[in-house]
PDB file of N, CA and C in Angstrom:
ATOM      1  N   MET A   1       3.398 -19.216  -8.519  1.00  0.00           N
ATOM      2  CA  MET A   1       1.973 -19.104  -8.295  1.00  0.00           C
ATOM      3  C   MET A   1       1.925 -19.748  -6.766  1.00  0.00           C
ATOM      4  N   LYS A   2       0.766 -19.258  -5.995  1.00  0.00           N
ATOM      5  CA  LYS A   2       0.544 -19.536  -4.729  1.00  0.00           C
ATOM      6  C   LYS A   2      -1.208 -19.924  -4.908  1.00  0.00           C
ATOM      7  N   ARG A   3      -1.116 -20.977  -4.038  1.00  0.00           N
ATOM      8  CA  ARG A   3      -2.681 -21.557  -4.069  1.00  0.00           C
ATOM      9  C   ARG A   3      -3.494 -21.122  -2.765  1.00  0.00           C
ATOM     10  N   ALA A   4      -4.816 -20.832  -3.175  1.00  0.00           N
ATOM     11  CA  ALA A   4      -5.594 -20.184  -2.057  1.00  0.00           C
ATOM     12  C   ALA A   4      -6.986 -20.793  -2.532  1.00  0.00           C
ATOM     13  N   THR A   5      -7.656 -21.075  -1.328  1.00  0.00           N
ATOM     14  CA  THR A   5      -8.939 -21.425  -1.398  1.00  0.00           C
ATOM     15  C   THR A   5     -10.075 -20.134  -1.114  1.00  0.00           C
ATOM     16  N   VAL A   6     -11.029 -20.080  -2.202  1.00  0.00           N
ATOM     17  CA  VAL A   6     -11.843 -18.897  -2.331  1.00  0.00           C
ATOM     18  C   VAL A   6     -13.241 -19.599  -2.382  1.00  0.00           C
ATOM     19  N   TYR A   7     -14.200 -18.874  -1.652  1.00  0.00           N
ATOM     20  CA  TYR A   7     -15.639 -19.319  -1.705  1.00  0.00           C
ATOM     21  C   TYR A   7     -16.208 -18.634  -2.584  1.00  0.00           C
ATOM     22  N   PHE A   8     -17.065 -18.818  -3.380  1.00  0.00           N
ATOM     23  CA  PHE A   8     -18.137 -17.845  -4.326  1.00  0.00           C
ATOM     24  C   PHE A   8     -19.201 -18.584  -4.040  1.00  0.00           C
ATOM     25  N   GLU A   9     -20.241 -17.446  -4.138  1.00  0.00           N
ATOM     26  CA  GLU A   9     -21.618 -17.735  -4.067  1.00  0.00           C
ATOM     27  C   GLU A   9     -21.913 -18.575  -5.244  1.00  0.00           C
ATOM     28  N   GLU A  10     -22.799 -19.618  -5.300  1.00  0.00           N
ATOM     29  CA  GLU A  10     -22.991 -20.602  -6.384  1.00  0.00           C
ATOM     30  C   GLU A  10     -23.406 -19.851  -7.877  1.00  0.00           C
ATOM     31  N   ASP A  11     -24.298 -18.728  -7.661  1.00  0.00           N
ATOM     32  CA  ASP A  11     -24.419 -17.880  -9.141  1.00  0.00           C
ATOM     33  C   ASP A  11     -23.016 -17.437  -9.808  1.00  0.00           C
ATOM     34  N   LEU A  12     -22.401 -17.059  -8.817  1.00  0.00           N
ATOM     35  CA  LEU A  12     -21.280 -16.040  -9.138  1.00  0.00           C
ATOM     36  C   LEU A  12     -20.052 -17.046  -9.900  1.00  0.00           C
ATOM     37  N   HIS A  13     -19.835 -18.379  -8.958  1.00  0.00           N
ATOM     38  CA  HIS A  13     -19.170 -19.368  -9.673  1.00  0.00           C
ATOM     39  C   HIS A  13     -19.554 -19.734 -11.207  1.00  0.00           C
ATOM     40  N   ARG A  14     -20.914 -20.190 -11.234  1.00  0.00           N
ATOM     41  CA  ARG A  14     -21.387 -20.684 -12.434  1.00  0.00           C
ATOM     42  C   ARG A  14     -21.097 -19.569 -13.548  1.00  0.00           C
ATOM     43  N   ALA A  15     -21.371 -17.991 -13.322  1.00  0.00           N
ATOM     44  CA  ALA A  15     -21.076 -17.337 -14.035  1.00  0.00           C
ATOM     45  C   ALA A  15     -19.620 -17.230 -14.421  1.00  0.00           C
ATOM     46  N   LEU A  16     -18.565 -17.467 -13.516  1.00  0.00           N
ATOM     47  CA  LEU A  16     -16.996 -17.174 -13.368  1.00  0.00           C
ATOM     48  C   LEU A  16     -16.806 -18.532 -14.467  1.00  0.00           C
ATOM     49  N   LYS A  17     -17.387 -19.766 -14.742  1.00  0.00           N
ATOM     50  CA  LYS A  17     -17.018 -20.660 -15.258  1.00  0.00           C
ATOM     51  C   LYS A  17     -17.389 -20.636 -16.537  1.00  0.00           C
ATOM     52  N   LEU A  18     -18.584 -20.218 -16.959  1.00  0.00           N
ATOM     53  CA  LEU A  18     -19.036 -19.711 -18.443  1.00  0.00           C
ATOM     54  C   LEU A  18     -18.391 -18.672 -18.955  1.00  0.00           C
ATOM     55  N   LYS A  19     -17.824 -17.650 -18.241  1.00  0.00           N
ATOM     56  CA  LYS A  19     -16.766 -16.742 -18.881  1.00  0.00           C
ATOM     57  C   LYS A  19     -15.785 -17.101 -19.008  1.00  0.00           C
ATOM     58  N   ALA A  20     -15.279 -17.960 -18.319  1.00  0.00           N
ATOM     59  CA  ALA A  20     -13.879 -18.668 -18.549  1.00  0.00           C
ATOM     60  C   ALA A  20     -13.727 -19.391 -19.575  1.00  0.00           C
ATOM     61  N   ALA A  21     -14.640 -20.480 -19.745  1.00  0.00           N
ATOM     62  CA  ALA A  21     -15.221 -21.178 -21.001  1.00  0.00           C
ATOM     63  C   ALA A  21     -15.238 -20.443 -22.188  1.00  0.00           C
ATOM     64  N   GLU A  22     -16.120 -19.178 -22.014  1.00  0.00           N
ATOM     65  CA  GLU A  22     -15.658 -18.701 -23.292  1.00  0.00           C
ATOM     66  C   GLU A  22     -15.144 -17.601 -23.772  1.00  0.00           C
ATOM     67  N   ALA A  23     -13.958 -17.310 -22.805  1.00  0.00           N
ATOM     68  CA  ALA A  23     -12.833 -16.676 -23.188  1.00  0.00           C
ATOM     69  C   ALA A  23     -11.495 -17.872 -23.271  1.00  0.00           C
ATOM     70  N   SER A  24     -11.781 -19.062 -22.927  1.00  0.00           N
ATOM     71  CA  SER A  24     -11.036 -20.108 -23.510  1.00  0.00           C
ATOM     72  C   SER A  24      -9.560 -19.584 -22.247  1.00  0.00           C
ATOM     73  N   SER A  25     -10.109 -19.380 -21.116  1.00  0.00           N
ATOM     74  CA  SER A  25      -9.445 -19.088 -19.961  1.00  0.00           C
ATOM     75  C   SER A  25      -9.696 -20.064 -18.753  1.00  0.00           C
ATOM     76  N   SER A  26      -8.939 -19.743 -17.381  1.00  0.00           N
ATOM     77  CA  SER A  26      -9.424 -20.409 -16.417  1.00  0.00           C
ATOM     78  C   SER A  26     -10.099 -19.576 -15.328  1.00  0.00           C
ATOM     79  N   VAL A  27     -10.743 -20.208 -14.544  1.00  0.00           N
ATOM     80  CA  VAL A  27     -11.442 -19.337 -13.696  1.00  0.00           C
ATOM     81  C   VAL A  27     -10.143 -18.577 -12.411  1.00  0.00           C
ATOM     82  N   SER A  28      -8.938 -19.311 -12.561  1.00  0.00           N
ATOM     83  CA  SER A  28      -7.803 -18.765 -11.810  1.00  0.00           C
ATOM     84  C   SER A  28      -7.456 -17.444 -12.423  1.00  0.00           C
ATOM     85  N   ASP A  29      -7.190 -17.553 -13.627  1.00  0.00           N
ATOM     86  CA  ASP A  29      -7.106 -16.246 -14.668  1.00  0.00           C
ATOM     87  C   ASP A  29      -7.816 -15.405 -14.521  1.00  0.00           C
ATOM     88  N   LEU A  30      -9.098 -15.753 -14.507  1.00  0.00           N
ATOM     89  CA  LEU A  30     -10.222 -14.216 -14.442  1.00  0.00           C
ATOM     90  C   LEU A  30     -10.481 -13.819 -13.167  1.00  0.00           C
ATOM     91  N   VAL A  31      -9.905 -14.618 -12.125  1.00  0.00           N
ATOM     92  CA  VAL A  31      -9.886 -14.038 -10.716  1.00  0.00           C
ATOM     93  C   VAL A  31      -8.429 -13.129 -10.432  1.00  0.00           C
ATOM     94  N   ASN A  32      -7.360 -13.656 -10.914  1.00  0.00           N
ATOM     95  CA  ASN A  32      -6.134 -13.119 -10.993  1.00  0.00           C
ATOM     96  C   ASN A  32      -6.275 -11.928 -11.360  1.00  0.00           C
ATOM     97  N   GLU A  33      -6.814 -11.763 -12.852  1.00  0.00           N
ATOM     98  CA  GLU A  33      -7.102 -10.357 -13.478  1.00  0.00           C
ATOM     99  C   GLU A  33      -7.715  -9.456 -12.760  1.00  0.00           C
ATOM    100  N   ALA A  34      -9.017  -9.766 -12.091  1.00  0.00           N
ATOM    101  CA  ALA A  34      -9.876  -8.985 -11.478  1.00  0.00           C
ATOM    102  C   ALA A  34      -9.200  -8.511 -10.206  1.00  0.00           C
ATOM    103  N   VAL A  35      -8.659  -9.213  -9.695  1.00  0.00           N
ATOM    104  CA  VAL A  35      -7.738  -8.854  -8.254  1.00  0.00           C
ATOM    105  C   VAL A  35      -7.045  -7.651  -8.764  1.00  0.00           C
ATOM    106  N   LYS A  36      -5.668  -8.078  -9.865  1.00  0.00           N
ATOM    107  CA  LYS A  36      -4.948  -6.976 -10.122  1.00  0.00           C
ATOM    108  C   LYS A  36      -5.511  -5.871 -10.618  1.00  0.00           C
ATOM    109  N   GLU A  37      -6.464  -5.964 -11.377  1.00  0.00           N
ATOM    110  CA  GLU A  37      -7.241  -4.488 -11.664  1.00  0.00           C
ATOM    111  C   GLU A  37      -7.733  -3.778 -10.565  1.00  0.00           C
ATOM    112  N   ALA A  38      -8.225  -4.392  -9.517  1.00  0.00           N
ATOM    113  CA  ALA A  38      -8.704  -3.586  -8.459  1.00  0.00           C
ATOM    114  C   ALA A  38      -7.582  -3.143  -7.505  1.00  0.00           C
ATOM    115  N   LEU A  39      -6.547  -3.832  -7.364  1.00  0.00           N
ATOM    116  CA  LEU A  39      -5.721  -3.244  -6.950  1.00  0.00           C
ATOM    117  C   LEU A  39      -4.818  -2.036  -7.273  1.00  0.00           C
ATOM    118  N   ALA A  40      -4.875  -2.299  -8.839  1.00  0.00           N
ATOM    119  CA  ALA A  40      -4.555  -0.829  -9.328  1.00  0.00           C
ATOM    120  C   ALA A  40      -5.130   0.189  -9.447  1.00  0.00           C
ATOM    121  N   GLU A  41      -6.602  -0.125  -9.463  1.00  0.00           N
ATOM    122  CA  GLU A  41      -7.377   1.046  -8.990  1.00  0.00           C
ATOM    123  C   GLU A  41      -7.274   1.814  -7.733  1.00  0.00           C
ATOM    124  N   ASP A  42      -6.755   0.985  -6.809  1.00  0.00           N
ATOM    125  CA  ASP A  42      -6.776   1.493  -5.447  1.00  0.00           C
ATOM    126  C   ASP A  42      -5.713   2.058  -5.439  1.00  0.00           C
ATOM    127  N   LEU A  43      -4.511   1.914  -6.380  1.00  0.00           N
ATOM    128  CA  LEU A  43      -3.353   2.762  -6.108  1.00  0.00           C
ATOM    129  C   LEU A  43      -3.534   3.807  -6.751  1.00  0.00           C
ATOM    130  N   GLU A  44      -4.396   4.011  -8.017  1.00  0.00           N
ATOM    131  CA  GLU A  44      -4.728   5.092  -8.381  1.00  0.00           C
ATOM    132  C   GLU A  44      -5.656   6.139  -7.611  1.00  0.00           C
ATOM    133  N   ASP A  45      -6.548   5.461  -6.728  1.00  0.00           N
ATOM    134  CA  ASP A  45      -7.257   6.413  -6.045  1.00  0.00           C
ATOM    135  C   ASP A  45      -6.351   6.938  -4.678  1.00  0.00           C
ATOM    136  N   LEU A  46      -5.251   6.083  -4.229  1.00  0.00           N
ATOM    137  CA  LEU A  46      -4.488   6.418  -3.141  1.00  0.00           C
ATOM    138  C   LEU A  46      -3.342   7.527  -3.563  1.00  0.00           C
ATOM    139  N   GLN A  47      -3.349   7.642  -5.199  1.00  0.00           N
ATOM    140  CA  GLN A  47      -2.342   8.638  -5.432  1.00  0.00           C
ATOM    141  C   GLN A  47      -3.102  10.034  -5.804  1.00  0.00           C
ATOM    142  N   ALA A  48      -4.341   9.767  -5.889  1.00  0.00           N
ATOM    143  CA  ALA A  48      -5.112  10.763  -6.018  1.00  0.00           C
ATOM    144  C   ALA A  48      -5.314  11.600  -4.868  1.00  0.00           C
ATOM    145  N   PHE A  49      -5.395  10.943  -3.860  1.00  0.00           N
ATOM    146  CA  PHE A  49      -5.646  11.389  -2.496  1.00  0.00           C
ATOM    147  C   PHE A  49      -4.455  12.382  -2.175  1.00  0.00           C
ATOM    148  N   ARG A  50      -3.299  11.668  -2.258  1.00  0.00           N
ATOM    149  CA  ARG A  50      -1.922  12.207  -2.011  1.00  0.00           C
ATOM    150  C   ARG A  50      -1.485  13.711  -2.887  1.00  0.00           C
ATOM    151  N   ASP A  51      -1.979  13.668  -4.102  1.00  0.00           N
ATOM    152  CA  ASP A  51      -2.193  14.393  -5.288  1.00  0.00           C
ATOM    153  C   ASP A  51      -3.043  15.775  -4.570  1.00  0.00           C
ATOM    154  N   ARG A  52      -4.055  15.141  -3.802  1.00  0.00           N
ATOM    155  CA  ARG A  52      -5.206  16.671  -3.195  1.00  0.00           C
ATOM    156  C   ARG A  52      -4.977  16.866  -1.985  1.00  0.00           C
ATOM    157  N   GLU A  53      -4.158  16.351  -1.327  1.00  0.00           N
ATOM    158  CA  GLU A  53      -3.619  16.502  -0.057  1.00  0.00           C
ATOM    159  C   GLU A  53      -3.654  17.994   0.548  1.00  0.00           C
ATOM    160  N   PRO A  54      -2.992  18.903  -0.277  1.00  0.00           N
ATOM    161  CA  PRO A  54      -2.439  20.271   0.008  1.00  0.00           C
ATOM    162  C   PRO A  54      -3.521  21.062  -0.082  1.00  0.00           C
ATOM    163  N   GLU A  55      -4.801  20.426  -0.763  1.00  0.00           N
ATOM    164  CA  GLU A  55      -6.037  20.887  -1.132  1.00  0.00           C
ATOM    165  C   GLU A  55      -6.557  21.625   0.478  1.00  0.00           C
ATOM    166  N   PRO A  56      -7.190  22.889   0.310  1.00  0.00           N
ATOM    167  CA  PRO A  56      -7.877  22.974   2.003  1.00  0.00           C
ATOM    168  C   PRO A  56      -9.212  22.052   1.891  1.00  0.00           C
ATOM    169  N   ALA A  57      -9.020  22.086   3.257  1.00  0.00           N
ATOM    170  CA  ALA A  57     -10.473  20.944   3.422  1.00  0.00           C
ATOM    171  C   ALA A  57     -11.514  21.719   3.702  1.00  0.00           C
ATOM    172  N   MET A  58     -12.858  21.249   3.508  1.00  0.00           N
ATOM    173  CA  MET A  58     -14.362  22.106   3.658  1.00  0.00           C
ATOM    174  C   MET A  58     -15.158  21.011   4.399  1.00  0.00           C
ATOM    175  N   ASP A  59     -15.858  21.118   5.262  1.00  0.00           N
ATOM    176  CA  ASP A  59     -16.802  20.429   5.631  1.00  0.00           C
ATOM    177  C   ASP A  59     -17.851  20.534   4.505  1.00  0.00           C
ATOM    178  N   PHE A  60     -18.886  19.357   5.032  1.00  0.00           N
ATOM    179  CA  PHE A  60     -20.112  19.403   3.957  1.00  0.00           C
ATOM    180  C   PHE A  60     -20.987  20.612   4.305  1.00  0.00           C
ATOM    181  N   GLU A  61     -21.293  20.917   5.509  1.00  0.00           N
ATOM    182  CA  GLU A  61     -21.834  22.111   5.731  1.00  0.00           C
ATOM    183  C   GLU A  61     -21.568  23.275   5.547  1.00  0.00           C
ATOM    184  N   GLY A  62     -20.020  23.652   5.473  1.00  0.00           N
ATOM    185  CA  GLY A  62     -19.710  24.839   5.011  1.00  0.00           C
ATOM    186  C   GLY A  62     -19.807  24.872   3.435  1.00  0.00           C
ATOM    187  N   PHE A  63     -19.510  23.466   2.563  1.00  0.00           N
ATOM    188  CA  PHE A  63     -19.901  23.520   1.307  1.00  0.00           C
ATOM    189  C   PHE A  63     -20.892  23.911   0.891  1.00  0.00           C
ATOM    190  N   LEU A  64     -22.145  23.516   1.503  1.00  0.00           N
ATOM    191  CA  LEU A  64     -23.544  23.729   1.420  1.00  0.00           C
ATOM    192  C   LEU A  64     -23.567  25.327   1.228  1.00  0.00           C
ATOM    193  N   LYS A  65     -23.129  25.611   2.371  1.00  0.00           N
ATOM    194  CA  LYS A  65     -23.285  27.206   2.872  1.00  0.00           C
ATOM    195  C   LYS A  65     -22.490  27.944   1.592  1.00  0.00           C
ATOM    196  N   THR A  66     -21.579  27.541   0.871  1.00  0.00           N
ATOM    197  CA  THR A  66     -20.883  28.131  -0.071  1.00  0.00           C
ATOM    198  C   THR A  66     -21.721  28.375  -1.451  1.00  0.00           C
ATOM    199  N   LEU A  67     -22.161  26.892  -1.605  1.00  0.00           N
ATOM    200  CA  LEU A  67     -23.058  26.781  -2.756  1.00  0.00           C
ATOM    201  C   LEU A  67     -24.411  27.679  -2.742  1.00  0.00           C
ATOM    202  N   LYS A  68     -25.073  27.683  -1.399  1.00  0.00           N
ATOM    203  CA  LYS A  68     -26.229  28.814  -1.211  1.00  0.00           C
ATOM    204  C   LYS A  68     -25.903  29.947  -1.448  1.00  0.00           C
ATOM    205  N   SER A  69     -24.852  30.653  -0.894  1.00  0.00           N
ATOM    206  CA  SER A  69     -24.450  32.064  -0.870  1.00  0.00           C
ATOM    207  C   SER A  69     -24.188  32.561  -2.470  1.00  0.00           C
ATOM    208  N   ASP A  70     -23.533  31.296  -2.988  1.00  0.00           N
ATOM    209  CA  ASP A  70     -23.146  31.651  -4.735  1.00  0.00           C
ATOM    210  C   ASP A  70     -24.348  31.470  -5.608  1.00  0.00           C
ATOM    211  N   GLY A  71     -25.511  31.241  -4.979  1.00  0.00           N
ATOM    212  CA  GLY A  71     -26.974  30.790  -5.748  1.00  0.00           C
ATOM    213  C   GLY A  71     -26.951  29.843  -6.500  1.00  0.00           C
ATOM    214  N   ARG A  72     -26.006  28.576  -6.208  1.00  0.00           N
ATOM    215  CA  ARG A  72     -26.287  27.473  -6.980  1.00  0.00           C
ATOM    216  C   ARG A  72     -27.375  26.412  -6.468  1.00  0.00           C
ATOM    217  N   ILE A  73     -27.491  26.778  -5.105  1.00  0.00           N
ATOM    218  CA  ILE A  73     -28.742  25.590  -4.746  1.00  0.00           C
ATOM    219  C   ILE A  73     -29.874  26.796  -3.937  1.00  0.00           C
TER     220      ILE A  73
END
């Protein structure tokens, strides 16, 4: 493990301490798990971008024109 100093807003820190006590865990364990989940989600998002990279790009204005011509808006 590597030690780091993290500053939390007072209300957030209080909520973390309460949740840790309720879960018989530590604030560090909760924060570690939250960071792991956030990083995993980022990895999934990056993969989704790579998977869709071959798709043709369309600007927003062009997309709106297509919707209008199709009678969807």
